[in-house]
C-alpha atoms as a PDB file:
ATOM      1  CA  UNK A   1       0.000   0.000   0.000  1.00  0.00           C
ATOM      2  CA  UNK A   2       2.810   2.405   0.922  1.00  0.00           C
ATOM      3  CA  UNK A   3       4.605   1.636  -2.387  1.00  0.00           C
ATOM      4  CA  UNK A   4       1.419   2.318  -4.342  1.00  0.00           C
ATOM      5  CA  UNK A   5       0.973   5.691  -2.640  1.00  0.00           C
ATOM      6  CA  UNK A   6       4.613   6.596  -3.326  1.00  0.00           C
ATOM      7  CA  UNK A   7       4.212   5.521  -6.961  1.00  0.00           C
ATOM      8  CA  UNK A   8       1.119   7.743  -7.309  1.00  0.00           C
ATOM      9  CA  UNK A   9       2.969  10.721  -5.771  1.00  0.00           C
ATOM     10  CA  UNK A  10       5.844  10.263  -8.225  1.00  0.00           C
ATOM     11  CA  UNK A  11       3.447   9.875 -11.140  1.00  0.00           C
ATOM     12  CA  UNK A  12       1.632  13.101 -10.203  1.00  0.00           C
ATOM     13  CA  UNK A  13       4.905  14.985  -9.697  1.00  0.00           C
ATOM     14  CA  UNK A  14       6.248  13.870 -13.092  1.00  0.00           C
ATOM     15  CA  UNK A  15       2.884  14.516 -14.779  1.00  0.00           C
ATOM     16  CA  UNK A  16       2.847  18.066 -13.397  1.00  0.00           C
ATOM     17  CA  UNK A  17       6.297  18.717 -14.892  1.00  0.00           C
ATOM     18  CA  UNK A  18       5.152  17.331 -18.235  1.00  0.00           C
ATOM     19  CA  UNK A  19       2.042  19.538 -18.231  1.00  0.00           C
ATOM     20  CA  UNK A  20       4.087  22.626 -17.328  1.00  0.00           C
ATOM     21  CA  UNK A  21       6.364  21.951 -20.316  1.00  0.00           C
ATOM     22  CA  UNK A  22       3.355  21.411 -22.581  1.00  0.00           C
ATOM     23  CA  UNK A  23       1.816  24.757 -21.593  1.00  0.00           C
ATOM     24  CA  UNK A  24       5.056  26.542 -22.508  1.00  0.00           C
ATOM     25  CA  UNK A  25       5.197  25.135 -26.037  1.00  0.00           C
ATOM     26  CA  UNK A  26       4.387  27.319 -29.013  1.00  0.00           C
ATOM     27  CA  UNK A  27       1.987  24.628 -30.246  1.00  0.00           C
ATOM     28  CA  UNK A  28      -0.092  24.772 -27.051  1.00  0.00           C
ATOM     29  CA  UNK A  29      -0.055  28.560 -26.775  1.00  0.00           C
ATOM     30  CA  UNK A  30      -1.220  29.004 -30.377  1.00  0.00           C
ATOM     31  CA  UNK A  31      -3.895  26.290 -30.256  1.00  0.00           C
ATOM     32  CA  UNK A  32      -7.545  27.157 -29.733  1.00  0.00           C
ATOM     33  CA  UNK A  33      -8.938  23.597 -29.971  1.00  0.00           C
ATOM     34  CA  UNK A  34      -6.908  20.919 -28.189  1.00  0.00           C
ATOM     35  CA  UNK A  35      -7.657  17.198 -28.144  1.00  0.00           C
ATOM     36  CA  UNK A  36      -6.427  15.523 -24.943  1.00  0.00           C
ATOM     37  CA  UNK A  37      -6.498  11.935 -23.753  1.00  0.00           C
ATOM     38  CA  UNK A  38      -7.566  11.328 -20.145  1.00  0.00           C
ATOM     39  CA  UNK A  39      -4.621   9.515 -18.557  1.00  0.00           C
ATOM     40  CA  UNK A  40      -5.210   6.002 -17.282  1.00  0.00           C
ATOM     41  CA  UNK A  41      -3.316   4.022 -14.641  1.00  0.00           C
ATOM     42  CA  UNK A  42       0.153   3.978 -16.224  1.00  0.00           C
ATOM     43  CA  UNK A  43      -0.198   7.063 -18.396  1.00  0.00           C
ATOM     44  CA  UNK A  44       0.598  10.710 -17.776  1.00  0.00           C
ATOM     45  CA  UNK A  45      -2.064  12.232 -15.529  1.00  0.00           C
ATOM     46  CA  UNK A  46      -3.784  14.864 -17.674  1.00  0.00           C
ATOM     47  CA  UNK A  47      -6.831  15.893 -15.599  1.00  0.00           C
ATOM     48  CA  UNK A  48      -5.266  18.974 -14.005  1.00  0.00           C
ATOM     49  CA  UNK A  49      -3.850  19.995 -17.362  1.00  0.00           C
ATOM     50  CA  UNK A  50      -7.255  19.645 -18.982  1.00  0.00           C
ATOM     51  CA  UNK A  51      -8.857  21.713 -16.213  1.00  0.00           C
ATOM     52  CA  UNK A  52      -6.218  24.432 -16.612  1.00  0.00           C
ATOM     53  CA  UNK A  53      -6.698  24.397 -20.394  1.00  0.00           C
ATOM     54  CA  UNK A  54     -10.445  24.918 -19.937  1.00  0.00           C
ATOM     55  CA  UNK A  55      -9.775  27.806 -17.502  1.00  0.00           C
ATOM     56  CA  UNK A  56      -7.538  29.397 -20.139  1.00  0.00           C
ATOM     57  CA  UNK A  57     -10.598  29.554 -22.386  1.00  0.00           C
ATOM     58  CA  UNK A  58      -9.408  26.966 -24.876  1.00  0.00           C
ATOM     59  CA  UNK A  59     -11.703  24.295 -26.275  1.00  0.00           C
ATOM     60  CA  UNK A  60     -10.887  20.788 -25.037  1.00  0.00           C
ATOM     61  CA  UNK A  61     -11.834  17.656 -26.961  1.00  0.00           C
ATOM     62  CA  UNK A  62     -11.740  14.096 -25.673  1.00  0.00           C
ATOM     63  CA  UNK A  63     -11.634  11.026 -27.946  1.00  0.00           C
ATOM     64  CA  UNK A  64     -14.598   8.715 -28.306  1.00  0.00           C
ATOM     65  CA  UNK A  65     -13.485   5.201 -29.187  1.00  0.00           C
ATOM     66  CA  UNK A  66     -15.419   3.251 -31.794  1.00  0.00           C
ATOM     67  CA  UNK A  67     -14.267  -0.346 -31.329  1.00  0.00           C
ATOM     68  CA  UNK A  68     -16.200  -1.603 -34.367  1.00  0.00           C
ATOM     69  CA  UNK A  69     -14.494   0.710 -36.855  1.00  0.00           C
ATOM     70  CA  UNK A  70     -11.306   1.137 -34.761  1.00  0.00           C
ATOM     71  CA  UNK A  71     -11.553   4.900 -35.134  1.00  0.00           C
ATOM     72  CA  UNK A  72     -11.578   7.909 -32.856  1.00  0.00           C
ATOM     73  CA  UNK A  73     -14.077  10.735 -32.943  1.00  0.00           C
ATOM     74  CA  UNK A  74     -13.642  13.813 -30.765  1.00  0.00           C
ATOM     75  CA  UNK A  75     -16.110  15.659 -28.588  1.00  0.00           C
ATOM     76  CA  UNK A  76     -15.744  18.891 -26.680  1.00  0.00           C
ATOM     77  CA  UNK A  77     -16.147  18.886 -22.919  1.00  0.00           C
ATOM     78  CA  UNK A  78     -16.823  21.661 -20.445  1.00  0.00           C
ATOM     79  CA  UNK A  79     -15.855  19.705 -17.296  1.00  0.00           C
ATOM     80  CA  UNK A  80     -15.167  16.211 -15.972  1.00  0.00           C
ATOM     81  CA  UNK A  81     -18.772  15.661 -14.872  1.00  0.00           C
ATOM     82  CA  UNK A  82     -19.533  15.142 -18.560  1.00  0.00           C
ATOM     83  CA  UNK A  83     -17.283  12.052 -18.665  1.00  0.00           C
ATOM     84  CA  UNK A  84     -17.816   8.455 -17.629  1.00  0.00           C
ATOM     85  CA  UNK A  85     -15.593   5.401 -17.569  1.00  0.00           C
ATOM     86  CA  UNK A  86     -16.033   3.154 -20.568  1.00  0.00           C
ATOM     87  CA  UNK A  87     -14.279   0.040 -21.866  1.00  0.00           C
ATOM     88  CA  UNK A  88     -10.569  -0.352 -20.883  1.00  0.00           C
ATOM     89  CA  UNK A  89     -10.800   2.427 -18.237  1.00  0.00           C
ATOM     90  CA  UNK A  90     -11.268   5.021 -20.984  1.00  0.00           C
ATOM     91  CA  UNK A  91     -12.924   8.230 -19.832  1.00  0.00           C
ATOM     92  CA  UNK A  92     -15.258   9.437 -22.556  1.00  0.00           C
ATOM     93  CA  UNK A  93     -18.163  11.885 -22.842  1.00  0.00           C
ATOM     94  CA  UNK A  94     -21.546  10.622 -21.690  1.00  0.00           C
ATOM     95  CA  UNK A  95     -24.033  10.319 -24.572  1.00  0.00           C
ATOM     96  CA  UNK A  96     -25.944  13.435 -23.544  1.00  0.00           C
ATOM     97  CA  UNK A  97     -22.747  15.535 -23.633  1.00  0.00           C
ATOM     98  CA  UNK A  98     -21.381  14.477 -27.019  1.00  0.00           C
ATOM     99  CA  UNK A  99     -20.562  17.536 -29.113  1.00  0.00           C
ATOM    100  CA  UNK A 100     -18.572  16.235 -32.068  1.00  0.00           C
ATOM    101  CA  UNK A 101     -15.660  18.173 -33.500  1.00  0.00           C
ATOM    102  CA  UNK A 102     -14.324  17.480 -36.983  1.00  0.00           C
ATOM    103  CA  UNK A 103     -10.719  16.316 -36.997  1.00  0.00           C
ATOM    104  CA  UNK A 104      -9.629  19.167 -39.293  1.00  0.00           C
ATOM    105  CA  UNK A 105     -10.782  21.708 -36.668  1.00  0.00           C
ATOM    106  CA  UNK A 106      -8.340  20.442 -34.018  1.00  0.00           C
ATOM    107  CA  UNK A 107      -5.219  22.595 -33.665  1.00  0.00           C
ATOM    108  CA  UNK A 108      -3.281  20.323 -31.303  1.00  0.00           C
ATOM    109  CA  UNK A 109      -3.629  16.597 -30.688  1.00  0.00           C
ATOM    110  CA  UNK A 110      -2.108  15.287 -27.439  1.00  0.00           C
ATOM    111  CA  UNK A 111      -1.308  11.579 -27.748  1.00  0.00           C
ATOM    112  CA  UNK A 112      -0.619   8.783 -25.232  1.00  0.00           C
ATOM    113  CA  UNK A 113       1.613   5.794 -25.800  1.00  0.00           C
ATOM    114  CA  UNK A 114       3.106   2.771 -24.109  1.00  0.00           C
ATOM    115  CA  UNK A 115       6.421   4.051 -25.396  1.00  0.00           C
ATOM    116  CA  UNK A 116       8.124   6.320 -27.896  1.00  0.00           C
ATOM    117  CA  UNK A 117      11.559   6.351 -29.449  1.00  0.00           C
ATOM    118  CA  UNK A 118      13.988   9.202 -30.042  1.00  0.00           C
ATOM    119  CA  UNK A 119      12.784   9.374 -33.671  1.00  0.00           C
ATOM    120  CA  UNK A 120       9.234  10.217 -32.424  1.00  0.00           C
ATOM    121  CA  UNK A 121       7.857   6.806 -33.353  1.00  0.00           C
ATOM    122  CA  UNK A 122       5.033   5.697 -31.069  1.00  0.00           C
ATOM    123  CA  UNK A 123       4.117   2.340 -29.575  1.00  0.00           C
ATOM    124  CA  UNK A 124       0.389   2.249 -28.905  1.00  0.00           C
ATOM    125  CA  UNK A 125      -1.925  -0.380 -27.547  1.00  0.00           C
ATOM    126  CA  UNK A 126      -2.019  -2.406 -30.764  1.00  0.00           C
ATOM    127  CA  UNK A 127      -5.380  -1.456 -32.237  1.00  0.00           C
ATOM    128  CA  UNK A 128      -4.209   1.426 -34.438  1.00  0.00           C
ATOM    129  CA  UNK A 129      -6.734   4.043 -33.260  1.00  0.00           C
ATOM    130  CA  UNK A 130      -4.201   6.874 -33.070  1.00  0.00           C
ATOM    131  CA  UNK A 131      -2.276   5.723 -36.162  1.00  0.00           C
ATOM    132  CA  UNK A 132      -5.486   5.971 -38.209  1.00  0.00           C
ATOM    133  CA  UNK A 133      -6.242   9.371 -36.696  1.00  0.00           C
ATOM    134  CA  UNK A 134      -2.722  10.707 -37.303  1.00  0.00           C
ATOM    135  CA  UNK A 135      -2.886   9.595 -40.927  1.00  0.00           C
ATOM    136  CA  UNK A 136      -6.066  11.671 -41.479  1.00  0.00           C
ATOM    137  CA  UNK A 137      -4.781  14.908 -39.916  1.00  0.00           C
ATOM    138  CA  UNK A 138      -4.315  17.995 -42.006  1.00  0.00           C
ATOM    139  CA  UNK A 139      -0.964  19.790 -42.083  1.00  0.00           C
ATOM    140  CA  UNK A 140      -1.968  22.517 -39.622  1.00  0.00           C
ATOM    141  CA  UNK A 141      -2.769  20.139 -36.746  1.00  0.00           C
ATOM    142  CA  UNK A 142       0.197  19.742 -34.416  1.00  0.00           C
ATOM    143  CA  UNK A 143       0.851  16.468 -32.557  1.00  0.00           C
ATOM    144  CA  UNK A 144       2.571  15.992 -29.209  1.00  0.00           C
ATOM    145  CA  UNK A 145       3.107  12.691 -27.432  1.00  0.00           C
ATOM    146  CA  UNK A 146       3.187  12.699 -23.637  1.00  0.00           C
ATOM    147  CA  UNK A 147       4.982  10.005 -21.643  1.00  0.00           C
ATOM    148  CA  UNK A 148       7.344   9.430 -18.756  1.00  0.00           C
ATOM    149  CA  UNK A 149      11.046   9.460 -19.541  1.00  0.00           C
ATOM    150  CA  UNK A 150      11.451   5.734 -18.794  1.00  0.00           C
ATOM    151  CA  UNK A 151       9.049   5.078 -21.694  1.00  0.00           C
ATOM    152  CA  UNK A 152      11.534   6.483 -24.223  1.00  0.00           C
ATOM    153  CA  UNK A 153      13.711   3.950 -26.017  1.00  0.00           C
ATOM    154  CA  UNK A 154      16.383   4.395 -28.671  1.00  0.00           C
ATOM    155  CA  UNK A 155      14.449   2.731 -31.498  1.00  0.00           C
ATOM    156  CA  UNK A 156      11.083   1.002 -31.786  1.00  0.00           C
ATOM    157  CA  UNK A 157      10.250  -1.527 -34.476  1.00  0.00           C
ATOM    158  CA  UNK A 158       8.241   0.209 -37.199  1.00  0.00           C
ATOM    159  CA  UNK A 159       5.401  -1.179 -39.265  1.00  0.00           C
ATOM    160  CA  UNK A 160       4.104   0.513 -42.419  1.00  0.00           C
ATOM    161  CA  UNK A 161       0.903   1.774 -40.749  1.00  0.00           C
ATOM    162  CA  UNK A 162       2.766   3.364 -37.784  1.00  0.00           C
ATOM    163  CA  UNK A 163       2.614   7.151 -37.610  1.00  0.00           C
ATOM    164  CA  UNK A 164       5.046   9.489 -35.851  1.00  0.00           C
ATOM    165  CA  UNK A 165       4.254  12.452 -33.621  1.00  0.00           C
ATOM    166  CA  UNK A 166       5.886  15.838 -34.156  1.00  0.00           C
ATOM    167  CA  UNK A 167       7.134  16.260 -30.598  1.00  0.00           C
ATOM    168  CA  UNK A 168       7.432  14.236 -27.377  1.00  0.00           C
ATOM    169  CA  UNK A 169       7.399  15.692 -23.885  1.00  0.00           C
ATOM    170  CA  UNK A 170       8.596  13.843 -20.777  1.00  0.00           C
ATOM    171  CA  UNK A 171       9.367  15.144 -17.314  1.00  0.00           C
ATOM    172  CA  UNK A 172      13.076  15.300 -18.263  1.00  0.00           C
ATOM    173  CA  UNK A 173      13.203  16.303 -21.915  1.00  0.00           C
ATOM    174  CA  UNK A 174      11.517  17.385 -25.094  1.00  0.00           C
ATOM    175  CA  UNK A 175      12.199  15.532 -28.334  1.00  0.00           C
ATOM    176  CA  UNK A 176      11.545  17.669 -31.412  1.00  0.00           C
END
């Protein structure tokens, strides 16, 4: 129990550093519509960052996972009360709060991953949701992967459908 509490403290401390770095980026400062993921157990904690983004007057979108088509749609949120836990611990908008946003309207897409490499290649959860989304983005949408520094490796194996991010932020560094 004590180890779990210490792990959570470290995770929150590192996540706060990552969010602070994100807020200082040109991409974040210029963006009006930002798509975030809601961090799960072993991912960067994004809730406080999302709340701060909303307070800054920016529009926040959260992905809605369609497991049949293996695609993501995005919906704006006004607060966390509009979300509920779905399959695989994913926090997504409740049906009555879905306000879809077209992908080409998103200025900045914040992306999770099990790992990234120094070439900005991403290792996801194996279903290709974000790879499909990244492939459809227009040139103006910026992409930033968030992870903890221990999740960065020198080189990941690459498959033809894998898509890179433009930047990666960890608590220790930024890979551009």
